[in-house]
Protein backbone atom coordinates (compact mmCIF):
# COMPACT_ATOMS: atom_id res chain seq x y z
CA MET A 1 -10.34 -11.45 18.20
CA THR A 2 -13.35 -13.46 19.20
CA GLY A 3 -13.57 -16.33 21.49
CA LEU A 4 -10.99 -19.07 21.16
CA SER A 5 -12.52 -22.24 21.42
CA LEU A 6 -13.61 -24.93 18.97
CA ILE A 7 -14.65 -28.40 18.27
CA ARG A 8 -12.34 -31.60 18.42
CA GLY A 9 -12.48 -34.47 15.95
CA ALA A 10 -12.76 -37.97 17.84
CA GLN A 11 -10.13 -39.09 15.39
CA PRO A 12 -7.76 -36.53 13.79
CA LEU A 13 -5.92 -37.47 10.71
CA PRO A 14 -2.57 -38.87 11.10
CA PRO A 15 0.56 -37.03 10.09
CA LEU A 16 1.00 -36.19 6.60
CA ALA A 17 -2.27 -37.82 5.53
CA VAL A 18 -3.19 -37.97 1.87
CA GLN A 19 -6.86 -38.84 2.39
CA LEU A 20 -7.71 -35.38 1.64
CA PRO A 21 -11.52 -36.10 1.08
CA LEU A 22 -11.89 -37.11 4.71
CA ALA A 23 -11.07 -34.01 5.91
CA ASP A 24 -14.56 -32.44 5.73
CA ALA A 25 -15.86 -35.20 7.43
CA PRO A 26 -18.38 -34.34 10.43
CA ARG A 27 -16.15 -33.71 13.31
CA GLY A 28 -17.02 -34.71 16.81
CA ARG A 29 -18.59 -32.55 19.80
CA GLU A 30 -15.86 -32.47 22.16
CA ARG A 31 -14.57 -28.93 23.17
CA ARG A 32 -11.15 -28.38 22.87
CA PRO A 33 -9.65 -26.37 25.47
CA ARG A 34 -9.57 -22.46 24.89
CA LEU A 35 -6.16 -21.33 23.07
CA TYR A 36 -4.70 -19.44 26.04
CA ALA A 37 -1.37 -19.17 24.22
CA LEU A 38 -2.82 -17.63 20.97
CA ASP A 39 -3.73 -14.18 23.77
CA GLY A 40 -0.25 -14.30 25.02
CA ILE A 41 1.16 -14.24 21.18
CA ARG A 42 -1.31 -11.23 20.69
CA LEU A 43 -0.17 -9.27 23.45
CA LEU A 44 3.67 -10.17 22.58
CA ALA A 45 3.26 -8.48 19.06
CA ALA A 46 1.13 -5.66 20.30
CA LEU A 47 4.18 -4.78 22.60
CA MET A 48 6.49 -5.41 20.19
CA VAL A 49 4.86 -2.82 17.86
CA ALA A 50 4.39 -0.20 20.34
CA LEU A 51 8.41 -0.33 21.33
CA HIS A 52 9.14 -0.46 17.55
CA HIS A 53 7.37 2.97 17.36
CA PHE A 54 8.46 4.67 20.39
CA ALA A 55 12.12 3.61 19.92
CA GLY A 56 13.06 1.82 17.19
CA THR A 57 11.66 3.32 13.87
CA ASP A 58 13.90 5.04 11.03
CA ARG A 59 12.01 8.10 12.20
CA VAL A 60 12.83 8.56 15.60
CA ASP A 61 16.73 7.53 14.91
CA GLN A 62 17.02 10.68 12.56
CA PRO A 63 19.10 13.77 13.96
CA GLY A 64 16.78 16.59 15.09
CA ASN A 65 13.45 14.52 14.89
CA LEU A 66 10.37 15.79 16.44
CA ILE A 67 9.81 12.78 18.92
CA TRP A 68 13.42 12.55 21.01
CA ASP A 69 15.03 15.55 18.99
CA ARG A 70 18.27 13.19 18.48
CA PRO A 71 18.86 9.96 17.44
CA VAL A 72 17.38 7.37 19.41
CA SER A 73 20.24 5.25 18.85
CA GLU A 74 22.58 7.46 21.21
CA ILE A 75 20.17 8.06 23.76
CA MET A 76 19.48 4.00 24.19
CA PRO A 77 21.57 1.80 21.75
CA THR A 78 20.60 -1.78 23.00
CA VAL A 79 16.49 -0.79 23.19
CA PHE A 80 16.90 0.68 19.90
CA HIS A 81 18.95 -2.46 18.13
CA VAL A 82 15.85 -4.69 19.58
CA ALA A 83 13.26 -2.45 18.93
CA THR A 84 14.34 -2.06 15.04
CA TYR A 85 12.37 -5.74 14.68
CA GLY A 86 9.33 -4.60 16.50
CA TRP A 87 7.36 -4.01 12.95
CA ILE A 88 7.14 -7.42 12.75
CA GLY A 89 4.57 -7.93 15.01
CA VAL A 90 2.03 -6.46 12.14
CA GLU A 91 3.01 -9.56 10.19
CA ILE A 92 2.09 -11.52 13.29
CA PHE A 93 -1.20 -10.08 13.95
CA PHE A 94 -2.15 -10.86 10.20
CA VAL A 95 -1.19 -14.68 10.28
CA ILE A 96 -3.02 -14.67 13.90
CA SER A 97 -6.07 -13.09 12.21
CA GLY A 98 -6.43 -15.67 9.24
CA PHE A 99 -6.33 -18.41 12.30
CA VAL A 100 -8.78 -16.85 14.62
CA ILE A 101 -11.13 -15.83 11.82
CA CYS A 102 -11.40 -19.10 10.45
CA MET A 103 -11.88 -20.48 13.51
CA SER A 104 -14.55 -18.05 14.83
CA CYS A 105 -16.64 -18.28 11.31
CA TRP A 106 -17.07 -22.07 11.09
CA GLY A 107 -20.47 -22.73 11.23
CA ARG A 108 -21.53 -19.32 11.05
CA THR A 109 -23.97 -17.58 8.55
CA PRO A 110 -22.64 -14.60 6.88
CA ARG A 111 -25.08 -12.58 9.52
CA GLN A 112 -23.20 -13.97 12.29
CA PHE A 113 -19.99 -13.34 10.53
CA PHE A 114 -20.80 -9.67 9.94
CA VAL A 115 -22.10 -8.89 13.58
CA SER A 116 -19.01 -10.96 15.14
CA ARG A 117 -16.66 -8.41 13.06
CA VAL A 118 -18.48 -4.94 13.68
CA ILE A 119 -19.03 -5.77 17.52
CA ARG A 120 -15.09 -6.60 17.80
CA LEU A 121 -13.75 -4.09 15.61
CA TYR A 122 -15.60 -0.74 15.93
CA PRO A 123 -16.30 -0.05 19.78
CA ALA A 124 -12.35 0.78 20.53
CA TYR A 125 -12.04 1.88 17.18
CA TRP A 126 -14.35 4.76 17.76
CA PHE A 127 -12.98 5.41 21.20
CA ALA A 128 -9.71 5.14 19.82
CA VAL A 129 -10.45 8.11 17.00
CA LEU A 130 -11.48 10.58 19.72
CA PHE A 131 -9.11 9.65 21.80
CA THR A 132 -6.10 10.22 19.65
CA THR A 133 -7.73 13.29 18.07
CA GLY A 134 -8.02 14.79 21.73
CA VAL A 135 -4.44 14.24 22.47
CA LEU A 136 -2.90 15.55 19.47
CA ALA A 137 -5.01 18.46 19.62
CA ALA A 138 -3.81 19.09 23.41
CA VAL A 139 -0.13 18.20 22.50
CA PRO A 140 0.38 19.60 19.16
CA GLY A 141 3.71 19.80 17.25
CA VAL A 142 4.62 16.08 16.52
CA TRP A 143 1.78 15.12 14.08
CA GLU A 144 -0.63 17.39 11.92
CA ARG A 145 -4.12 17.46 13.02
CA LEU A 146 -7.23 16.37 10.47
CA ARG A 147 -9.82 18.75 9.50
CA ALA A 148 -12.99 17.47 11.64
CA ARG A 149 -14.60 16.12 8.10
CA ASP A 150 -11.67 13.87 8.01
CA VAL A 151 -11.63 12.65 11.66
CA LEU A 152 -15.46 11.99 11.38
CA LEU A 153 -14.72 9.95 8.29
CA ASN A 154 -12.18 7.83 9.95
CA LEU A 155 -15.10 6.42 12.41
CA THR A 156 -15.99 4.68 9.43
CA MET A 157 -13.23 2.69 9.58
CA LEU A 158 -13.08 3.31 5.38
CA GLN A 159 -10.97 6.59 5.26
CA SER A 160 -8.45 4.83 3.03
CA GLY A 161 -10.84 3.79 0.39
CA SER A 162 -11.42 7.92 0.33
CA GLY A 163 -8.20 8.59 0.06
CA VAL A 164 -8.26 10.58 3.27
CA ARG A 165 -5.61 9.87 5.85
CA ASN A 166 -5.53 7.85 8.99
CA VAL A 167 -5.85 9.81 12.51
CA ASP A 168 -3.10 7.39 13.87
CA GLY A 169 -0.82 5.83 11.33
CA VAL A 170 -1.36 2.14 12.48
CA TYR A 171 -4.95 2.07 11.18
CA TRP A 172 -3.43 1.15 7.71
CA THR A 173 -3.47 -2.63 8.87
CA LEU A 174 -7.34 -2.29 9.44
CA TRP A 175 -7.72 -1.38 5.73
CA SER A 176 -6.39 -4.66 5.19
CA GLU A 177 -7.93 -6.45 7.56
CA LEU A 178 -11.00 -5.43 5.69
CA ARG A 179 -10.47 -6.66 2.61
CA PHE A 180 -9.81 -9.90 3.95
CA TYR A 181 -13.40 -10.05 5.86
CA LEU A 182 -15.04 -9.14 2.50
CA LEU A 183 -12.97 -11.81 0.52
CA PHE A 184 -13.16 -14.46 3.21
CA LEU A 185 -17.19 -13.63 3.44
CA LEU A 186 -17.44 -15.11 0.09
CA VAL A 187 -16.21 -18.74 1.55
CA VAL A 188 -18.53 -18.03 4.76
CA ALA A 189 -21.46 -17.46 2.64
CA THR A 190 -20.91 -20.88 1.01
CA GLY A 191 -20.56 -22.86 4.35
CA LEU A 192 -16.73 -23.60 5.23
CA THR A 193 -15.30 -26.76 4.82
CA TYR A 194 -11.60 -27.88 4.25
CA ARG A 195 -11.75 -28.01 0.45
CA LYS A 196 -13.56 -24.62 0.02
CA VAL A 197 -10.60 -22.74 2.62
CA VAL A 198 -7.94 -24.60 0.67
CA LEU A 199 -9.36 -23.31 -2.73
CA PHE A 200 -9.91 -20.25 -1.32
CA CYS A 201 -5.88 -20.03 0.04
CA CYS A 202 -4.66 -21.25 -3.82
CA VAL A 203 -7.12 -18.70 -5.47
CA TRP A 204 -6.18 -15.66 -3.21
CA GLY A 205 -2.44 -16.48 -3.32
CA ALA A 206 -2.28 -16.69 -6.98
CA ALA A 207 -4.14 -13.44 -7.57
CA ALA A 208 -1.71 -11.92 -4.78
CA MET A 209 1.46 -13.00 -7.10
CA LEU A 210 -0.07 -12.10 -10.14
CA ALA A 211 -1.31 -8.39 -8.66
CA PRO A 212 1.84 -6.75 -8.68
CA VAL A 213 2.75 -7.46 -12.29
CA SER A 214 -1.07 -7.06 -14.05
CA ARG A 215 -0.81 -3.23 -13.84
CA LEU A 216 -4.56 -3.70 -12.52
CA PRO A 217 -5.35 -1.50 -9.46
CA LEU A 218 -8.68 -3.19 -8.31
CA LEU A 219 -6.99 -6.60 -8.74
CA ASP A 220 -4.01 -5.37 -6.49
CA LEU A 221 -6.82 -3.48 -4.22
CA VAL A 222 -8.84 -6.62 -4.12
CA ALA A 223 -5.70 -9.17 -3.79
CA ASN A 224 -3.93 -7.23 -1.12
CA PRO A 225 -0.65 -8.82 -1.84
CA GLU A 226 1.18 -7.37 1.06
CA GLY A 227 -0.86 -8.93 3.34
CA ALA A 228 -2.30 -11.89 1.51
CA TRP A 229 0.27 -14.74 2.26
CA TYR A 230 0.02 -13.95 6.02
CA PHE A 231 -3.78 -14.30 6.35
CA ILE A 232 -3.43 -17.60 4.06
CA ALA A 233 -0.70 -18.99 6.21
CA GLY A 234 -3.26 -18.34 9.35
CA LEU A 235 -5.74 -20.33 7.40
CA ALA A 236 -3.82 -23.12 6.76
CA LEU A 237 -2.56 -23.32 10.13
CA TYR A 238 -6.46 -23.17 11.42
CA LEU A 239 -6.74 -25.75 9.12
CA MET A 240 -4.16 -27.71 10.77
CA HIS A 241 -5.51 -27.53 13.97
CA ARG A 242 -9.23 -28.75 12.90
CA PHE A 243 -8.28 -31.48 10.93
CA GLY A 244 -4.54 -32.66 11.50
CA GLN A 245 -1.81 -31.73 9.38
CA ASP A 246 -1.24 -32.92 6.05
CA LEU A 247 0.98 -32.49 2.72
CA LEU A 248 -0.94 -30.15 1.47
CA LEU A 249 -1.29 -27.78 4.24
CA TRP A 250 2.27 -28.03 4.64
CA GLY A 251 2.82 -26.92 1.10
CA ILE A 252 0.58 -23.86 1.30
CA LEU A 253 2.47 -22.75 5.06
CA ALA A 254 5.56 -23.23 3.22
CA MET A 255 4.56 -20.50 -0.21
CA ALA A 256 3.30 -18.49 2.64
CA TRP A 257 6.70 -18.47 4.30
CA LEU A 258 8.49 -17.88 0.86
CA MET A 259 6.61 -15.15 -0.17
CA GLY A 260 6.65 -13.54 3.48
CA GLN A 261 10.13 -13.31 3.45
CA ARG A 262 10.21 -11.66 0.22
CA GLU A 263 8.02 -9.00 1.42
CA LEU A 264 9.66 -8.64 4.39
CA GLY A 265 12.49 -7.75 2.63
CA GLN A 266 10.70 -5.26 0.50
CA ARG A 267 9.50 -3.65 3.60
CA ILE A 268 12.95 -3.21 5.21
CA ASP A 269 13.78 -1.73 1.80
CA GLU A 270 11.02 0.57 1.18
CA ILE A 271 9.79 1.72 4.55
CA GLU A 272 11.86 0.26 7.72
CA HIS A 273 15.51 0.39 6.36
CA VAL A 274 16.48 -0.02 10.27
CA SER A 275 16.57 -3.77 10.55
CA SER A 276 18.26 -6.71 8.69
CA TRP A 277 16.50 -9.24 6.37
CA ARG A 278 18.25 -12.04 7.96
CA GLY A 279 17.25 -11.16 11.92
CA ALA A 280 13.54 -10.89 10.09
CA VAL A 281 12.96 -13.74 8.58
CA LEU A 282 14.50 -15.66 11.77
CA ILE A 283 11.80 -13.99 13.89
CA PHE A 284 8.94 -14.67 11.75
CA THR A 285 10.21 -17.91 11.18
CA ALA A 286 10.34 -18.67 14.81
CA PHE A 287 6.89 -17.40 14.93
CA LEU A 288 5.34 -19.56 12.72
CA LEU A 289 7.29 -22.60 14.44
CA LEU A 290 5.43 -21.23 17.35
CA MET A 291 1.64 -21.17 15.59
CA VAL A 292 2.58 -24.86 14.16
CA ALA A 293 2.82 -25.61 17.76
CA VAL A 294 -0.21 -23.85 19.05
CA ALA A 295 -1.92 -25.53 15.67
CA LEU A 296 -0.95 -29.02 16.39
CA GLY A 297 -1.89 -28.51 20.02
CA HIS A 298 1.32 -28.92 22.04
CA THR A 299 0.47 -25.55 23.82
CA ASP A 300 -2.76 -26.86 24.93
CA ARG A 301 -1.16 -27.17 28.45
CA VAL A 302 -1.06 -23.46 28.82
CA GLN A 303 -3.92 -22.80 30.92
CA TRP A 304 -3.14 -19.14 32.34
CA ARG A 305 -6.27 -17.60 32.77
CA TRP A 306 -4.62 -14.14 32.85
CA LEU A 307 -3.66 -14.54 28.92
CA VAL A 308 -7.45 -13.95 28.63
CA THR A 309 -7.16 -10.66 30.26
CA ALA A 310 -3.82 -10.17 28.20
CA GLY A 311 -5.29 -10.91 25.40
CA SER A 312 -7.95 -8.58 25.45
CA LEU A 313 -5.87 -5.46 25.80
CA THR A 314 -3.95 -5.99 22.61
CA TYR A 315 -6.42 -4.09 19.99
CA PRO A 316 -7.22 -1.18 22.04
CA LEU A 317 -3.33 -1.20 22.71
CA TYR A 318 -2.70 -1.04 19.39
CA LEU A 319 -5.21 1.23 18.19
CA MET A 320 -4.32 4.12 20.68
CA HIS A 321 -0.44 3.73 21.44
CA TYR A 322 1.29 5.34 18.55
CA ALA A 323 0.20 9.15 17.68
CA ALA A 324 -0.66 9.66 21.02
CA GLY A 325 2.12 8.08 22.88
CA THR A 326 4.99 9.74 20.77
CA ALA A 327 3.48 13.10 21.04
CA VAL A 328 3.55 12.54 24.82
CA ILE A 329 7.24 11.45 24.39
CA SER A 330 7.82 15.11 22.79
CA ARG A 331 7.00 16.88 25.85
CA LEU A 332 8.44 14.41 28.43
CA ARG A 333 11.94 13.28 27.07
CA ASP A 334 13.66 15.97 28.92
CA ASP A 335 12.22 15.00 31.98
CA MET A 336 12.83 11.70 32.35
CA ASP A 337 15.00 8.69 31.82
CA ALA A 338 14.49 7.65 28.20
CA ARG A 339 14.24 3.89 29.05
CA LEU A 340 12.19 4.77 31.77
CA LEU A 341 9.58 7.27 29.93
CA VAL A 342 8.89 4.12 27.14
CA ALA A 343 8.09 1.85 29.99
CA ALA A 344 5.78 4.30 31.58
CA ILE A 345 3.65 5.29 28.43
CA ILE A 346 3.61 1.72 27.44
CA THR A 347 2.42 0.55 31.31
CA GLY A 348 -0.07 3.73 31.40
CA PHE A 349 -1.61 2.55 27.78
CA LEU A 350 -1.85 -1.05 28.76
CA VAL A 351 -3.60 0.60 32.12
CA LEU A 352 -6.17 2.66 29.70
CA SER A 353 -6.28 -0.90 27.27
CA TRP A 354 -8.07 -2.24 29.95
CA ALA A 355 -10.41 0.45 31.06
CA VAL A 356 -11.29 0.67 27.47
CA HIS A 357 -12.02 -3.06 27.14
CA ARG A 358 -13.84 -3.04 30.33
CA PHE A 359 -15.87 0.00 29.95
CA VAL A 360 -16.23 0.83 26.29
CA GLU A 361 -15.98 -2.25 24.41
CA ARG A 362 -17.78 -4.83 26.39
CA PRO A 363 -20.83 -2.71 27.13
CA LEU A 364 -20.77 -1.04 23.55
CA ALA A 365 -20.43 -4.53 21.84
CA GLY A 366 -23.53 -5.65 24.00
CA ALA A 367 -25.53 -2.77 22.77
CA VAL A 368 -24.58 -3.02 18.98
CA LYS A 369 -24.90 -6.43 18.81
CA ARG A 370 -28.72 -6.45 19.93
CA GLY A 371 -29.49 -3.72 17.67
CA LEU A 372 -27.83 -5.56 14.45
CA GLU A 373 -29.69 -8.75 15.58
CA THR A 374 -32.95 -6.65 16.12
CA ALA A 375 -32.33 -5.06 12.63
CA PHE A 376 -31.68 -8.26 11.01
CA SER A 377 -34.59 -10.17 12.35
CA ARG A 378 -36.97 -7.21 11.32
CA ALA A 379 -35.24 -7.41 7.74
CA ALA A 380 -35.97 -11.16 7.38
CA ARG A 381 -39.31 -10.54 8.14
CA GLY A 382 -39.75 -8.36 5.60
CA GLY A 383 -39.91 -5.09 7.54
CA SER A 384 -43.71 -6.08 8.84
């Protein structure tokens, strides 16, 4: 994610304001505090996903599975029951992404938006693709290795659009994120305002509702009905944060919750199979309420600077943990206590994530940014 600082207006709207045209009024220049709480929530979501993949999926609870060799619910039943809900961390990521993308794009040009996304997404991703490919070559037996041509295509982050498998299964969320960025770029190009973002939420939400019954593959691809309402929730929350709450934004958020709870149930029925709908909805609702608290400024007192570092670990941790981590578990499962092994692997990936952020992301992001800005400047001059 990009930096979490923004502008606060001198006079926020009163609760449940109905003078919606005022929402596009110029804001003041006073800087709001960095949203440290978001960094903490992001890391918590990443840890939830990692724990789920290691000890809470339907796959690891099958007899003779390649990761643990026997049902993980027999090995560590308490951890399993907690970890079965960790997949909700992905939905949390999508909501936070909607919030942060809207925040980071406000007042930016499409060119700035494009550069910011490239330098944020690609450096750690390139490393993760090569790292995971190397680990799976060194520790075979759990995951099928991809052909070299497919690994190379993965470096584009566009493999899902070409029908090519991901090096690591968690990359499916990046395809959803990319489609969101392309759609939102259309709004960024016209200049972000309260009205335009609200209209975007309504149009995208309508398309996402129609896509499943339309039998139009292109509409389904663009509308992204599996993830749309989570991103929309994040956009509405950011508008609350910037302009103050009003009935329209609460309505969009309520619709996102209603559509989200349905998607949670579908995912449990079709993919996860290990958790209950009630538990998933309870966790998702608690998270949305926490995000409302962030949006309305109730967490501004959280000023723990270590959360900035914690937040920087989130993206590399998410990209690297799954395939490589489960492959390592398959080799060490008989040599260590299962709980200790999971804790050790997560800790190891946190350390590796810090190293990737410090020695890969930061240097490469600077170099790529300078290169892109030079290229865009040249293009603006007509190549002269």
